[in-house]
Every structure is written in structure tokens, then in C-alpha cells.
Protein backbone atom coordinates (compact mmCIF):
# COMPACT_ATOMS: atom_id res chain seq x y z
CA MET A 1 -8.22 8.25 -14.83
CA GLN A 2 -11.77 9.59 -14.84
CA THR A 3 -11.92 13.21 -15.98
CA GLY A 4 -15.53 13.75 -17.06
CA THR A 5 -18.87 13.50 -15.32
CA GLU A 6 -19.72 10.05 -16.66
CA PRO A 7 -18.06 7.07 -14.90
CA VAL A 8 -15.55 5.13 -16.99
CA ARG A 9 -16.76 1.63 -17.80
CA VAL A 10 -14.35 -1.23 -17.09
CA SER A 11 -15.06 -2.62 -20.55
CA ASP A 12 -13.41 0.53 -21.96
CA VAL A 13 -10.19 0.25 -19.95
CA VAL A 14 -9.33 -3.46 -19.69
CA ASP A 15 -7.77 -5.80 -22.23
CA ALA A 16 -9.21 -9.01 -23.66
CA VAL A 17 -8.33 -11.06 -20.58
CA GLY A 18 -9.58 -8.54 -18.04
CA ARG A 19 -6.36 -6.77 -17.09
CA TYR A 20 -6.39 -3.10 -16.14
CA ARG A 21 -3.48 -1.08 -17.53
CA THR A 22 -2.05 1.73 -15.44
CA ARG A 23 1.08 3.87 -15.26
CA LEU A 24 3.45 3.38 -12.36
CA GLY A 25 6.19 5.97 -12.61
CA ALA A 26 7.84 5.36 -15.98
CA GLN A 27 6.45 1.84 -16.29
CA ASP A 28 3.16 0.60 -17.73
CA ILE A 29 1.74 -2.43 -15.92
CA ASP A 30 -1.29 -4.66 -16.41
CA LEU A 31 -3.16 -5.61 -13.24
CA PRO A 32 -5.81 -8.34 -12.92
CA LEU A 33 -9.24 -7.26 -11.73
CA VAL A 34 -10.21 -9.23 -8.63
CA PRO A 35 -13.73 -9.16 -7.12
CA ILE A 36 -13.82 -8.77 -3.33
CA SER A 37 -17.60 -8.65 -3.04
CA ASP A 38 -20.65 -8.80 -5.31
CA ASP A 39 -20.41 -5.10 -6.13
CA LEU A 40 -16.74 -4.25 -5.63
CA ALA A 41 -13.52 -5.22 -7.43
CA ILE A 42 -9.93 -4.07 -7.23
CA ALA A 43 -6.95 -4.00 -9.59
CA LEU A 44 -4.45 -6.20 -7.78
CA LEU A 45 -0.74 -5.36 -7.72
CA ILE A 46 1.44 -8.27 -6.60
CA THR A 47 4.93 -6.81 -6.72
CA VAL A 48 6.72 -10.17 -6.75
CA ASP A 49 4.88 -11.13 -9.96
CA HIS A 50 6.48 -8.34 -12.00
CA GLY A 51 10.13 -9.34 -11.85
CA VAL A 52 13.44 -7.98 -10.60
CA ARG A 53 13.81 -5.15 -13.12
CA PHE A 54 10.33 -3.86 -12.33
CA ALA A 55 11.06 -3.75 -8.59
CA GLU A 56 14.45 -2.14 -9.11
CA GLN A 57 13.12 0.62 -11.34
CA ALA A 58 10.04 1.25 -9.19
CA GLY A 59 12.15 1.35 -6.04
CA THR A 60 14.62 3.75 -7.63
CA GLU A 61 11.86 6.08 -8.83
CA LEU A 62 10.11 6.02 -5.47
CA ALA A 63 13.42 6.74 -3.72
CA GLU A 64 13.77 9.87 -5.86
CA LEU A 65 10.45 11.13 -4.46
CA LEU A 66 11.49 10.33 -0.89
CA ALA A 67 15.10 11.56 -0.99
CA PRO A 68 14.34 15.22 -0.10
CA PHE A 69 12.98 14.10 3.30
CA ASP A 70 16.36 12.79 4.50
CA ALA A 71 15.12 9.59 6.10
CA ASP A 72 17.61 7.57 8.14
CA VAL A 73 15.86 4.23 7.69
CA VAL A 74 13.13 2.63 5.56
CA VAL A 75 10.27 0.67 7.14
CA SER A 76 7.71 -1.51 5.39
CA VAL A 77 5.18 -4.26 6.09
CA ALA A 78 5.58 -7.94 5.18
CA THR A 79 5.35 -9.52 2.82
CA MET A 80 4.77 -7.48 -0.32
CA GLY A 81 6.63 -4.51 1.12
CA ILE A 82 9.89 -6.43 1.48
CA PRO A 83 11.23 -6.13 -2.10
CA LEU A 84 10.16 -2.50 -2.20
CA ALA A 85 11.93 -1.73 1.10
CA ILE A 86 15.12 -3.34 -0.20
CA GLU A 87 15.14 -1.41 -3.48
CA VAL A 88 14.24 1.94 -1.89
CA THR A 89 16.89 1.45 0.80
CA ARG A 90 19.50 0.61 -1.84
CA ALA A 91 18.56 3.58 -4.02
CA LEU A 92 18.71 5.99 -1.06
CA GLY A 93 22.23 4.81 -0.27
CA LEU A 94 21.17 3.39 3.09
CA ASP A 95 21.97 -0.06 4.45
CA ASP A 96 19.53 -1.15 7.14
CA TYR A 97 15.77 -1.41 6.81
CA LEU A 98 13.00 -2.72 9.05
CA ILE A 99 10.06 -4.99 8.20
CA LEU A 100 6.94 -5.11 10.36
CA GLN A 101 5.42 -8.58 10.39
CA LYS A 102 1.82 -9.81 10.21
CA THR A 103 2.55 -13.48 10.92
CA PRO A 104 3.45 -14.71 14.44
CA LYS A 105 6.95 -16.20 14.60
CA ILE A 106 9.06 -17.67 17.38
CA HIS A 107 11.20 -14.55 17.74
CA LEU A 108 8.08 -12.34 17.97
CA ARG A 109 6.57 -13.83 21.12
CA ASP A 110 7.20 -10.58 23.00
CA ALA A 111 6.64 -8.28 20.03
CA LEU A 112 4.95 -4.92 20.21
CA SER A 113 1.66 -5.13 18.32
CA GLU A 114 -0.92 -2.97 16.60
CA PRO A 115 -4.26 -4.18 15.13
CA VAL A 116 -4.68 -3.87 11.36
CA SER A 117 -7.15 -4.92 8.67
CA SER A 118 -6.22 -5.26 5.00
CA ILE A 119 -8.38 -5.07 1.88
CA THR A 120 -6.56 -8.10 0.41
CA THR A 121 -6.56 -10.38 3.46
CA GLY A 122 -9.95 -9.55 4.96
CA LYS A 123 -9.30 -11.03 8.40
CA PRO A 124 -8.19 -8.65 11.18
CA GLN A 125 -4.50 -9.12 11.93
CA MET A 126 -1.82 -7.80 14.26
CA LEU A 127 1.15 -5.80 13.05
CA LEU A 128 4.19 -7.07 14.97
CA PHE A 129 7.37 -5.16 15.84
CA ASP A 130 10.37 -7.13 17.07
CA ARG A 131 11.51 -5.43 20.31
CA SER A 132 15.15 -6.23 19.52
CA ARG A 133 14.89 -3.90 16.51
CA VAL A 134 13.58 -0.82 18.35
CA SER A 135 17.03 0.80 18.32
CA VAL A 136 17.00 0.77 14.51
CA VAL A 137 14.25 3.42 14.40
CA ALA A 138 14.05 5.05 17.84
CA GLY A 139 14.92 8.73 17.57
CA ARG A 140 15.47 8.44 13.81
CA ARG A 141 13.74 9.83 10.71
CA VAL A 142 11.73 7.08 9.05
CA ALA A 143 10.35 6.60 5.53
CA VAL A 144 7.37 4.22 5.54
CA VAL A 145 6.89 2.48 2.19
CA ASP A 146 4.16 0.17 0.91
CA ASP A 147 3.21 -1.30 -2.44
CA VAL A 148 -0.41 -0.05 -2.44
CA ILE A 149 -2.22 2.27 -0.05
CA SER A 150 -5.92 1.39 -0.25
CA THR A 151 -7.88 1.81 2.99
CA GLY A 152 -4.82 3.23 4.74
CA ALA A 153 -5.17 0.74 7.59
CA SER A 154 -1.73 -0.85 7.24
CA VAL A 155 0.04 2.50 7.01
CA CYS A 156 -1.89 3.85 10.02
CA ALA A 157 -0.91 0.82 12.08
CA ALA A 158 2.72 1.19 11.02
CA LEU A 159 2.76 4.89 11.95
CA ASN A 160 1.16 4.17 15.32
CA ILE A 161 3.64 1.48 16.29
CA LEU A 162 6.63 3.48 15.07
CA ARG A 163 5.62 6.53 17.07
CA ARG A 164 5.14 4.34 20.14
CA VAL A 165 8.84 3.43 20.03
CA GLY A 166 10.03 6.99 19.48
CA ALA A 167 10.55 6.96 15.72
CA GLU A 168 9.82 10.03 13.60
CA PRO A 169 7.96 9.18 10.38
CA VAL A 170 8.78 11.95 7.90
CA VAL A 171 7.42 10.59 4.61
CA ILE A 172 5.18 7.80 3.25
CA GLY A 173 5.93 6.25 -0.13
CA ALA A 174 3.79 3.95 -2.26
CA LEU A 175 3.90 2.47 -5.71
CA LEU A 176 0.16 3.08 -6.07
CA THR A 177 -2.65 4.70 -4.13
CA GLU A 178 -6.12 3.20 -4.58
CA ALA A 179 -9.16 5.50 -4.80
CA SER A 180 -9.11 8.11 -2.02
CA THR A 181 -10.62 6.70 1.18
CA TRP A 182 -7.09 6.31 2.59
CA ARG A 183 -6.95 10.09 2.96
CA GLU A 184 -9.66 10.04 5.62
CA ALA A 185 -7.99 7.17 7.47
CA LEU A 186 -4.61 8.90 7.55
CA GLY A 187 -5.95 12.36 8.41
CA GLU A 188 -3.12 14.90 8.61
CA ASP A 189 -0.60 12.16 7.80
CA ALA A 190 -2.09 11.93 4.29
CA ALA A 191 0.04 14.96 3.39
CA MET A 192 3.14 12.77 3.79
CA VAL A 193 2.09 10.37 1.01
CA HIS A 194 4.05 10.34 -2.25
CA ALA A 195 3.21 7.72 -4.89
CA LEU A 196 4.25 6.73 -8.40
CA GLY A 197 0.65 6.36 -9.55
CA GLY A 198 -2.99 5.94 -8.62
CA ILE A 199 -5.77 3.49 -9.43
CA PRO A 200 -9.53 3.41 -8.74
CA VAL A 201 -11.63 0.69 -7.20
CA PHE A 202 -14.40 -0.72 -9.40
CA ARG A 203 -18.07 -0.49 -8.50
CA ARG A 204 -20.83 -2.61 -10.04
CA GLN A 205 -23.81 -0.57 -11.17
CA ALA A 206 -27.45 -1.67 -11.28
CA SER A 207 -26.92 -2.67 -14.91
CA GLY A 208 -24.32 -5.19 -13.74
CA GLU A 209 -21.43 -3.31 -15.37
CA LEU A 210 -18.32 -2.35 -13.41
CA VAL A 211 -17.22 1.29 -13.53
CA GLU A 212 -14.18 3.12 -12.17
CA ASP A 213 -14.69 4.62 -8.72
CA TRP A 214 -11.97 7.11 -7.79
CA VAL A 215 -13.63 8.01 -4.48
CA GLY A 216 -14.33 4.54 -3.08
CA SER A 217 -16.34 3.45 -0.08
CA SER A 218 -15.65 4.10 3.54
CA ASP A 219 -12.76 2.11 5.00
CA ARG A 220 -15.24 -0.01 6.95
CA ASP A 221 -17.27 -0.78 3.84
CA ILE A 222 -14.22 -1.96 1.87
CA VAL A 223 -12.82 -4.09 4.68
CA GLN A 224 -16.20 -5.65 5.45
CA ALA A 225 -16.68 -6.44 1.76
CA SER A 226 -13.36 -8.25 1.57
CA THR A 227 -14.05 -10.09 4.83
CA THR A 228 -17.44 -11.25 3.62
CA ASP A 229 -15.92 -12.57 0.41
CA GLN A 230 -13.34 -14.76 2.18
């Protein structure tokens, strides 16, 4: 993490094949750097690429951060949030969990919806909530979990749709937060975020070299960059 006044060069913090090493709870992981525009790159965490033991340990450690908030149910967003939701739910000693979908399916024809844009998909999408599952969260304390909080758009959409059905989000958990623009997007809800680690985005300077950026661009800038690159 950057501590001085000079930006950290990517060449100083990546390995020979361009992977960025970071600490996630008690685990060290190597993340590939992926360009999303000419001047912006991200370290990409794909939870399903790190194995069962990784997910189990990360979920257990995240559950320890969330346990004091006494959530009744865990909610996450498909698809990368699914293994995390399962492990956090298991570690909290709960049974049921709820997954909000981004892909239209036959049983979601009458779903509640909320618009969302993601840094990794680019295209605007709809977050879908199966009406038959409203009773799982209505009137209950909810922990919202996600693998990475970057722009904050997915978490904001999840909070909006949960509150619409009478749920009470009490805590937000993430494996990693990315830069800090998500704080502006979440506003007062940013205080609910608890994460196992944090990573920067990577900005290309005039010299052509990428450097760590722990502040990041505006949410609109990041999403437009990823959309343009698709």
C-alpha cells in the first residue's frame, strides 16, 4: 500500500508474469493485472480460481468480522458472490442465504429489479430479486457480502432493492475493497463496510508506466472506461 508521497510503480510490486500480490486476511494471493482502458488497469480477483480452501478460509475470516452485527441472513450477488455467501453463511452458523441475479431466467420474469453497472462487465445490467424469496429477508437483519467492492454500484443496488422489500441491512462484507471511490457511492452506508483487505487501481502516467492509485477516478469515469474497452 502506498505510504509516501511518490506513487508506487507497478514494476516494483508485480512478479515476473505481471501478477499483483496482496494480503487478504491471513492469505497472500496473486492477482492478474487487467487493463480496462488505455490508462486504467485493475487487479482482478476471480474467487472461483483460487480453490475450495481459499474460499473456506476467506469466508470464515469474513464471518468473524460480521458476527458482531447479528445478521439473520446473508445476501450476495451472482455469480462471484455465490461461493462467498455459502462460506460466510456456514461460518455464521446460519442455513439460508439469498443470491441476487444479474441474468434473466425463466423464474425471474416477474422479479423486482434495480439498475446496476459493474467495473468488470461494463454494460449496464439489472439486479433481479425473485419475488418468491422476499420472505427470506423481509423484516430481518441482513449481511450483504461481495468479493470486491470497487465503484460500489453493485452494493448500492443490492441495498436499494433489499430496503424496498423491508429488509434491514446491518453490515457489508467484502474480501477486498478497491481504491476508495466506493465510499462516495455508498455515502453513509460506507460505514457498514468491513473487508479483509484493500487494493488500488492502476493509472498510466504520461511516461507510459502504471502506478498504484489508491484514490481512483469517479464512479462514472471507471464504469465508462470499462464500457469503452468492451
